[in-house]
């Protein structure tokens, strides 16, 4: 499988959706770039295995009962 992409004036390319999805590449990810046998090779630095939101939610063992409005109001009264 291959797709043709265009190099812009700033030497940028857009990775096709199929490639991004297949490799799990998301905004903010880093890619290694190298030349190999006359070809440009892009490789994810650390491929993502799971959804980062799920990873964050797994940091706590049970749901927290927090009133965000109350926390903000309490911070106003701390002065």
C-alpha atoms as a PDB file:
ATOM      1  CA  UNK A   1       0.000   0.000   0.000  1.00  0.00           C
ATOM      2  CA  UNK A   2       1.272   3.473  -0.794  1.00  0.00           C
ATOM      3  CA  UNK A   3      -0.169   6.939  -1.100  1.00  0.00           C
ATOM      4  CA  UNK A   4       1.332   9.942  -2.851  1.00  0.00           C
ATOM      5  CA  UNK A   5       1.637  13.080  -0.701  1.00  0.00           C
ATOM      6  CA  UNK A   6       2.781  16.578  -1.662  1.00  0.00           C
ATOM      7  CA  UNK A   7       5.653  18.473  -0.032  1.00  0.00           C
ATOM      8  CA  UNK A   8       4.509  22.024   0.837  1.00  0.00           C
ATOM      9  CA  UNK A   9       6.488  25.285   0.612  1.00  0.00           C
ATOM     10  CA  UNK A  10       7.653  24.704   4.195  1.00  0.00           C
ATOM     11  CA  UNK A  11       8.766  21.138   3.339  1.00  0.00           C
ATOM     12  CA  UNK A  12       5.851  19.639   5.261  1.00  0.00           C
ATOM     13  CA  UNK A  13       3.735  16.615   4.357  1.00  0.00           C
ATOM     14  CA  UNK A  14       0.413  15.286   5.629  1.00  0.00           C
ATOM     15  CA  UNK A  15       0.385  11.687   6.759  1.00  0.00           C
ATOM     16  CA  UNK A  16      -2.616   9.950   5.206  1.00  0.00           C
ATOM     17  CA  UNK A  17      -5.391   8.950   7.605  1.00  0.00           C
ATOM     18  CA  UNK A  18      -4.928   5.245   6.846  1.00  0.00           C
ATOM     19  CA  UNK A  19      -1.239   5.433   7.828  1.00  0.00           C
ATOM     20  CA  UNK A  20      -1.936   7.420  11.019  1.00  0.00           C
ATOM     21  CA  UNK A  21      -4.630   4.989  12.104  1.00  0.00           C
ATOM     22  CA  UNK A  22      -2.588   1.889  11.287  1.00  0.00           C
ATOM     23  CA  UNK A  23       0.382   3.144  13.335  1.00  0.00           C
ATOM     24  CA  UNK A  24      -1.649   4.899  16.047  1.00  0.00           C
ATOM     25  CA  UNK A  25       0.006   8.259  15.333  1.00  0.00           C
ATOM     26  CA  UNK A  26      -1.667  11.222  17.026  1.00  0.00           C
ATOM     27  CA  UNK A  27      -1.134  14.972  17.260  1.00  0.00           C
ATOM     28  CA  UNK A  28       1.938  15.704  19.372  1.00  0.00           C
ATOM     29  CA  UNK A  29       3.646  12.372  18.697  1.00  0.00           C
ATOM     30  CA  UNK A  30       7.298  12.345  17.670  1.00  0.00           C
ATOM     31  CA  UNK A  31       8.650  10.512  14.638  1.00  0.00           C
ATOM     32  CA  UNK A  32      12.204   9.436  13.851  1.00  0.00           C
ATOM     33  CA  UNK A  33      13.230  10.474  10.336  1.00  0.00           C
ATOM     34  CA  UNK A  34      16.072   8.770   8.481  1.00  0.00           C
ATOM     35  CA  UNK A  35      17.253   8.027   4.972  1.00  0.00           C
ATOM     36  CA  UNK A  36      17.542   4.344   4.154  1.00  0.00           C
ATOM     37  CA  UNK A  37      18.601   3.118   0.711  1.00  0.00           C
ATOM     38  CA  UNK A  38      17.522   6.384  -0.908  1.00  0.00           C
ATOM     39  CA  UNK A  39      14.137   6.419   0.880  1.00  0.00           C
ATOM     40  CA  UNK A  40      12.755   8.634   3.630  1.00  0.00           C
ATOM     41  CA  UNK A  41      11.663   6.473   6.564  1.00  0.00           C
ATOM     42  CA  UNK A  42       9.380   7.811   9.321  1.00  0.00           C
ATOM     43  CA  UNK A  43       9.067   5.769  12.506  1.00  0.00           C
ATOM     44  CA  UNK A  44       7.090   6.553  15.686  1.00  0.00           C
ATOM     45  CA  UNK A  45       9.439   7.197  18.622  1.00  0.00           C
ATOM     46  CA  UNK A  46       7.100   5.516  21.109  1.00  0.00           C
ATOM     47  CA  UNK A  47       4.099   3.836  19.508  1.00  0.00           C
ATOM     48  CA  UNK A  48       0.909   4.256  21.500  1.00  0.00           C
ATOM     49  CA  UNK A  49      -0.795   1.063  22.482  1.00  0.00           C
ATOM     50  CA  UNK A  50      -3.879   2.469  24.196  1.00  0.00           C
ATOM     51  CA  UNK A  51      -6.034   5.536  24.482  1.00  0.00           C
ATOM     52  CA  UNK A  52      -4.256   8.112  26.749  1.00  0.00           C
ATOM     53  CA  UNK A  53      -7.584   9.081  28.370  1.00  0.00           C
ATOM     54  CA  UNK A  54      -8.070   5.476  29.465  1.00  0.00           C
ATOM     55  CA  UNK A  55      -4.547   5.502  30.911  1.00  0.00           C
ATOM     56  CA  UNK A  56      -5.329   8.614  32.967  1.00  0.00           C
ATOM     57  CA  UNK A  57      -8.613   7.177  34.209  1.00  0.00           C
ATOM     58  CA  UNK A  58      -6.770   4.058  35.370  1.00  0.00           C
ATOM     59  CA  UNK A  59      -4.621   6.162  37.727  1.00  0.00           C
ATOM     60  CA  UNK A  60      -7.393   6.221  40.331  1.00  0.00           C
ATOM     61  CA  UNK A  61      -9.011   3.138  41.816  1.00  0.00           C
ATOM     62  CA  UNK A  62     -12.474   4.606  42.327  1.00  0.00           C
ATOM     63  CA  UNK A  63     -14.364   7.711  41.172  1.00  0.00           C
ATOM     64  CA  UNK A  64     -13.786  10.866  43.197  1.00  0.00           C
ATOM     65  CA  UNK A  65     -16.651  12.987  44.453  1.00  0.00           C
ATOM     66  CA  UNK A  66     -15.320  16.502  43.845  1.00  0.00           C
ATOM     67  CA  UNK A  67     -17.310  19.711  43.534  1.00  0.00           C
ATOM     68  CA  UNK A  68     -15.170  21.857  41.235  1.00  0.00           C
ATOM     69  CA  UNK A  69     -17.241  25.003  41.866  1.00  0.00           C
ATOM     70  CA  UNK A  70     -16.773  24.594  45.612  1.00  0.00           C
ATOM     71  CA  UNK A  71     -13.002  24.182  45.181  1.00  0.00           C
ATOM     72  CA  UNK A  72     -12.792  27.409  43.152  1.00  0.00           C
ATOM     73  CA  UNK A  73     -14.925  29.324  45.666  1.00  0.00           C
ATOM     74  CA  UNK A  74     -12.750  28.056  48.534  1.00  0.00           C
ATOM     75  CA  UNK A  75      -9.621  29.217  46.719  1.00  0.00           C
ATOM     76  CA  UNK A  76     -11.091  32.727  46.449  1.00  0.00           C
ATOM     77  CA  UNK A  77     -11.575  32.821  50.229  1.00  0.00           C
ATOM     78  CA  UNK A  78      -7.990  31.772  50.991  1.00  0.00           C
ATOM     79  CA  UNK A  79      -6.615  35.302  50.443  1.00  0.00           C
END
